[in-house]
Amino acid sequence: MCLVVANMIGAGVFTSSGFALSDHPPWIVLLAWLVGGVLATCGALC
């Protein structure tokens, strides 16, 4: 489960953080990462 969650979060952070931070405030990007982490956890538990 941890491997799947880390893979999903890591791919999202490394591939989209530059684009997201250039267009949005940092708190919105952190919120999006949090939501993505919860969704990745739910997917791993399925």
PDB file of N, CA and C in Angstrom:
ATOM      1  N   MET A   1       0.831  -1.188   0.000  1.00  0.00           N
ATOM      2  CA  MET A   1       0.000   0.000   0.000  1.00  0.00           C
ATOM      3  C   MET A   1       0.876   1.252   0.000  1.00  0.00           C
ATOM      4  N   CYS A   2       1.912   1.234   0.795  1.00  0.00           N
ATOM      5  CA  CYS A   2       2.786   2.408   0.868  1.00  0.00           C
ATOM      6  C   CYS A   2       3.481   2.672  -0.461  1.00  0.00           C
ATOM      7  N   LEU A   3       3.834   1.612  -1.155  1.00  0.00           N
ATOM      8  CA  LEU A   3       4.497   1.775  -2.453  1.00  0.00           C
ATOM      9  C   LEU A   3       3.567   2.440  -3.467  1.00  0.00           C
ATOM     10  N   VAL A   4       2.328   2.036  -3.512  1.00  0.00           N
ATOM     11  CA  VAL A   4       1.361   2.623  -4.441  1.00  0.00           C
ATOM     12  C   VAL A   4       1.112   4.088  -4.094  1.00  0.00           C
ATOM     13  N   VAL A   5       0.928   4.387  -2.808  1.00  0.00           N
ATOM     14  CA  VAL A   5       0.675   5.762  -2.379  1.00  0.00           C
ATOM     15  C   VAL A   5       1.882   6.638  -2.695  1.00  0.00           C
ATOM     16  N   ALA A   6       3.075   6.162  -2.378  1.00  0.00           N
ATOM     17  CA  ALA A   6       4.283   6.937  -2.645  1.00  0.00           C
ATOM     18  C   ALA A   6       4.489   7.162  -4.135  1.00  0.00           C
ATOM     19  N   ASN A   7       4.166   6.177  -4.946  1.00  0.00           N
ATOM     20  CA  ASN A   7       4.302   6.310  -6.393  1.00  0.00           C
ATOM     21  C   ASN A   7       3.353   7.362  -6.942  1.00  0.00           C
ATOM     22  N   MET A   8       2.115   7.333  -6.511  1.00  0.00           N
ATOM     23  CA  MET A   8       1.129   8.295  -7.003  1.00  0.00           C
ATOM     24  C   MET A   8       1.467   9.709  -6.551  1.00  0.00           C
ATOM     25  N   ILE A   9       1.801   9.870  -5.290  1.00  0.00           N
ATOM     26  CA  ILE A   9       2.122  11.195  -4.772  1.00  0.00           C
ATOM     27  C   ILE A   9       3.416  11.713  -5.390  1.00  0.00           C
ATOM     28  N   GLY A  10       4.415  10.855  -5.483  1.00  0.00           N
ATOM     29  CA  GLY A  10       5.692  11.271  -6.056  1.00  0.00           C
ATOM     30  C   GLY A  10       5.564  11.694  -7.510  1.00  0.00           C
ATOM     31  N   ALA A  11       4.802  10.943  -8.279  1.00  0.00           N
ATOM     32  CA  ALA A  11       4.618  11.308  -9.690  1.00  0.00           C
ATOM     33  C   ALA A  11       3.891  12.644  -9.805  1.00  0.00           C
ATOM     34  N   GLY A  12       2.904  12.861  -8.986  1.00  0.00           N
ATOM     35  CA  GLY A  12       2.174  14.128  -9.033  1.00  0.00           C
ATOM     36  C   GLY A  12       3.015  15.301  -8.596  1.00  0.00           C
ATOM     37  N   VAL A  13       3.805  15.121  -7.555  1.00  0.00           N
ATOM     38  CA  VAL A  13       4.638  16.214  -7.041  1.00  0.00           C
ATOM     39  C   VAL A  13       5.727  16.578  -8.040  1.00  0.00           C
ATOM     40  N   PHE A  14       6.414  15.590  -8.570  1.00  0.00           N
ATOM     41  CA  PHE A  14       7.546  15.880  -9.433  1.00  0.00           C
ATOM     42  C   PHE A  14       7.144  16.341 -10.828  1.00  0.00           C
ATOM     43  N   THR A  15       6.000  15.924 -11.314  1.00  0.00           N
ATOM     44  CA  THR A  15       5.633  16.294 -12.678  1.00  0.00           C
ATOM     45  C   THR A  15       4.771  17.540 -12.773  1.00  0.00           C
ATOM     46  N   SER A  16       4.030  17.849 -11.730  1.00  0.00           N
ATOM     47  CA  SER A  16       3.096  18.970 -11.860  1.00  0.00           C
ATOM     48  C   SER A  16       3.362  20.145 -10.929  1.00  0.00           C
ATOM     49  N   SER A  17       4.307  20.022 -10.027  1.00  0.00           N
ATOM     50  CA  SER A  17       4.488  21.088  -9.036  1.00  0.00           C
ATOM     51  C   SER A  17       4.949  22.396  -9.665  1.00  0.00           C
ATOM     52  N   GLY A  18       5.821  22.355 -10.627  1.00  0.00           N
ATOM     53  CA  GLY A  18       6.297  23.591 -11.256  1.00  0.00           C
ATOM     54  C   GLY A  18       5.185  24.327 -11.976  1.00  0.00           C
ATOM     55  N   PHE A  19       4.383  23.608 -12.710  1.00  0.00           N
ATOM     56  CA  PHE A  19       3.280  24.236 -13.428  1.00  0.00           C
ATOM     57  C   PHE A  19       2.225  24.769 -12.467  1.00  0.00           C
ATOM     58  N   ALA A  20       1.911  24.007 -11.442  1.00  0.00           N
ATOM     59  CA  ALA A  20       0.881  24.408 -10.488  1.00  0.00           C
ATOM     60  C   ALA A  20       1.330  25.619  -9.675  1.00  0.00           C
ATOM     61  N   LEU A  21       2.576  25.631  -9.244  1.00  0.00           N
ATOM     62  CA  LEU A  21       3.059  26.748  -8.422  1.00  0.00           C
ATOM     63  C   LEU A  21       3.210  28.030  -9.213  1.00  0.00           C
ATOM     64  N   SER A  22       3.378  27.934 -10.511  1.00  0.00           N
ATOM     65  CA  SER A  22       3.492  29.156 -11.313  1.00  0.00           C
ATOM     66  C   SER A  22       2.136  29.823 -11.531  1.00  0.00           C
ATOM     67  N   ASP A  23       1.046  29.060 -11.413  1.00  0.00           N
ATOM     68  CA  ASP A  23      -0.282  29.602 -11.674  1.00  0.00           C
ATOM     69  C   ASP A  23      -1.126  29.823 -10.428  1.00  0.00           C
ATOM     70  N   HIS A  24      -0.819  29.145  -9.319  1.00  0.00           N
ATOM     71  CA  HIS A  24      -1.681  29.172  -8.129  1.00  0.00           C
ATOM     72  C   HIS A  24      -0.866  29.456  -6.876  1.00  0.00           C
ATOM     73  N   PRO A  25      -1.518  29.941  -5.826  1.00  0.00           N
ATOM     74  CA  PRO A  25      -0.824  30.130  -4.544  1.00  0.00           C
ATOM     75  C   PRO A  25      -0.389  28.788  -3.951  1.00  0.00           C
ATOM     76  N   PRO A  26       0.666  28.798  -3.137  1.00  0.00           N
ATOM     77  CA  PRO A  26       1.178  27.529  -2.591  1.00  0.00           C
ATOM     78  C   PRO A  26       0.167  26.751  -1.754  1.00  0.00           C
ATOM     79  N   TRP A  27      -0.729  27.414  -1.056  1.00  0.00           N
ATOM     80  CA  TRP A  27      -1.680  26.672  -0.208  1.00  0.00           C
ATOM     81  C   TRP A  27      -2.661  25.865  -1.041  1.00  0.00           C
ATOM     82  N   ILE A  28      -2.992  26.346  -2.228  1.00  0.00           N
ATOM     83  CA  ILE A  28      -3.892  25.583  -3.101  1.00  0.00           C
ATOM     84  C   ILE A  28      -3.179  24.339  -3.623  1.00  0.00           C
ATOM     85  N   VAL A  29      -1.906  24.485  -3.943  1.00  0.00           N
ATOM     86  CA  VAL A  29      -1.134  23.336  -4.426  1.00  0.00           C
ATOM     87  C   VAL A  29      -1.000  22.293  -3.314  1.00  0.00           C
ATOM     88  N   LEU A  30      -0.738  22.733  -2.077  1.00  0.00           N
ATOM     89  CA  LEU A  30      -0.653  21.788  -0.965  1.00  0.00           C
ATOM     90  C   LEU A  30      -1.984  21.086  -0.725  1.00  0.00           C
ATOM     91  N   LEU A  31      -3.075  21.819  -0.867  1.00  0.00           N
ATOM     92  CA  LEU A  31      -4.396  21.218  -0.717  1.00  0.00           C
ATOM     93  C   LEU A  31      -4.632  20.171  -1.812  1.00  0.00           C
ATOM     94  N   ALA A  32      -4.230  20.476  -3.026  1.00  0.00           N
ATOM     95  CA  ALA A  32      -4.381  19.511  -4.121  1.00  0.00           C
ATOM     96  C   ALA A  32      -3.543  18.262  -3.860  1.00  0.00           C
ATOM     97  N   TRP A  33      -2.326  18.424  -3.318  1.00  0.00           N
ATOM     98  CA  TRP A  33      -1.490  17.280  -2.984  1.00  0.00           C
ATOM     99  C   TRP A  33      -2.133  16.447  -1.881  1.00  0.00           C
ATOM    100  N   LEU A  34      -2.738  17.100  -0.916  1.00  0.00           N
ATOM    101  CA  LEU A  34      -3.410  16.383   0.166  1.00  0.00           C
ATOM    102  C   LEU A  34      -4.586  15.567  -0.363  1.00  0.00           C
ATOM    103  N   VAL A  35      -5.395  16.178  -1.208  1.00  0.00           N
ATOM    104  CA  VAL A  35      -6.536  15.470  -1.801  1.00  0.00           C
ATOM    105  C   VAL A  35      -6.039  14.302  -2.663  1.00  0.00           C
ATOM    106  N   GLY A  36      -4.996  14.541  -3.421  1.00  0.00           N
ATOM    107  CA  GLY A  36      -4.419  13.464  -4.228  1.00  0.00           C
ATOM    108  C   GLY A  36      -3.890  12.322  -3.379  1.00  0.00           C
ATOM    109  N   GLY A  37      -3.298  12.642  -2.233  1.00  0.00           N
ATOM    110  CA  GLY A  37      -2.816  11.607  -1.332  1.00  0.00           C
ATOM    111  C   GLY A  37      -3.940  10.772  -0.749  1.00  0.00           C
ATOM    112  N   VAL A  38      -5.039  11.440  -0.414  1.00  0.00           N
ATOM    113  CA  VAL A  38      -6.199  10.705   0.108  1.00  0.00           C
ATOM    114  C   VAL A  38      -6.782   9.796  -0.972  1.00  0.00           C
ATOM    115  N   LEU A  39      -6.894  10.310  -2.180  1.00  0.00           N
ATOM    116  CA  LEU A  39      -7.417   9.490  -3.275  1.00  0.00           C
ATOM    117  C   LEU A  39      -6.490   8.314  -3.593  1.00  0.00           C
ATOM    118  N   ALA A  40      -5.181   8.551  -3.540  1.00  0.00           N
ATOM    119  CA  ALA A  40      -4.232   7.472  -3.793  1.00  0.00           C
ATOM    120  C   ALA A  40      -4.328   6.409  -2.704  1.00  0.00           C
ATOM    121  N   THR A  41      -4.531   6.833  -1.465  1.00  0.00           N
ATOM    122  CA  THR A  41      -4.697   5.879  -0.375  1.00  0.00           C
ATOM    123  C   THR A  41      -5.958   5.048  -0.563  1.00  0.00           C
ATOM    124  N   CYS A  42      -7.030   5.705  -0.960  1.00  0.00           N
ATOM    125  CA  CYS A  42      -8.280   4.970  -1.218  1.00  0.00           C
ATOM    126  C   CYS A  42      -8.098   3.964  -2.347  1.00  0.00           C
ATOM    127  N   GLY A  43      -7.387   4.367  -3.389  1.00  0.00           N
ATOM    128  CA  GLY A  43      -7.123   3.447  -4.492  1.00  0.00           C
ATOM    129  C   GLY A  43      -6.258   2.276  -4.069  1.00  0.00           C
ATOM    130  N   ALA A  44      -5.275   2.536  -3.202  1.00  0.00           N
ATOM    131  CA  ALA A  44      -4.412   1.456  -2.733  1.00  0.00           C
ATOM    132  C   ALA A  44      -5.176   0.479  -1.845  1.00  0.00           C
ATOM    133  N   LEU A  45      -6.128   0.985  -1.087  1.00  0.00           N
ATOM    134  CA  LEU A  45      -6.907   0.118  -0.211  1.00  0.00           C
ATOM    135  C   LEU A  45      -7.930  -0.734  -0.972  1.00  0.00           C
ATOM    136  N   CYS A  46      -8.281  -0.278  -2.165  1.00  0.00           N
ATOM    137  CA  CYS A  46      -9.229  -1.072  -2.965  1.00  0.00           C
ATOM    138  C   CYS A  46      -8.523  -2.297  -3.486  1.00  0.00           C
TER     139      CYS A  46
END
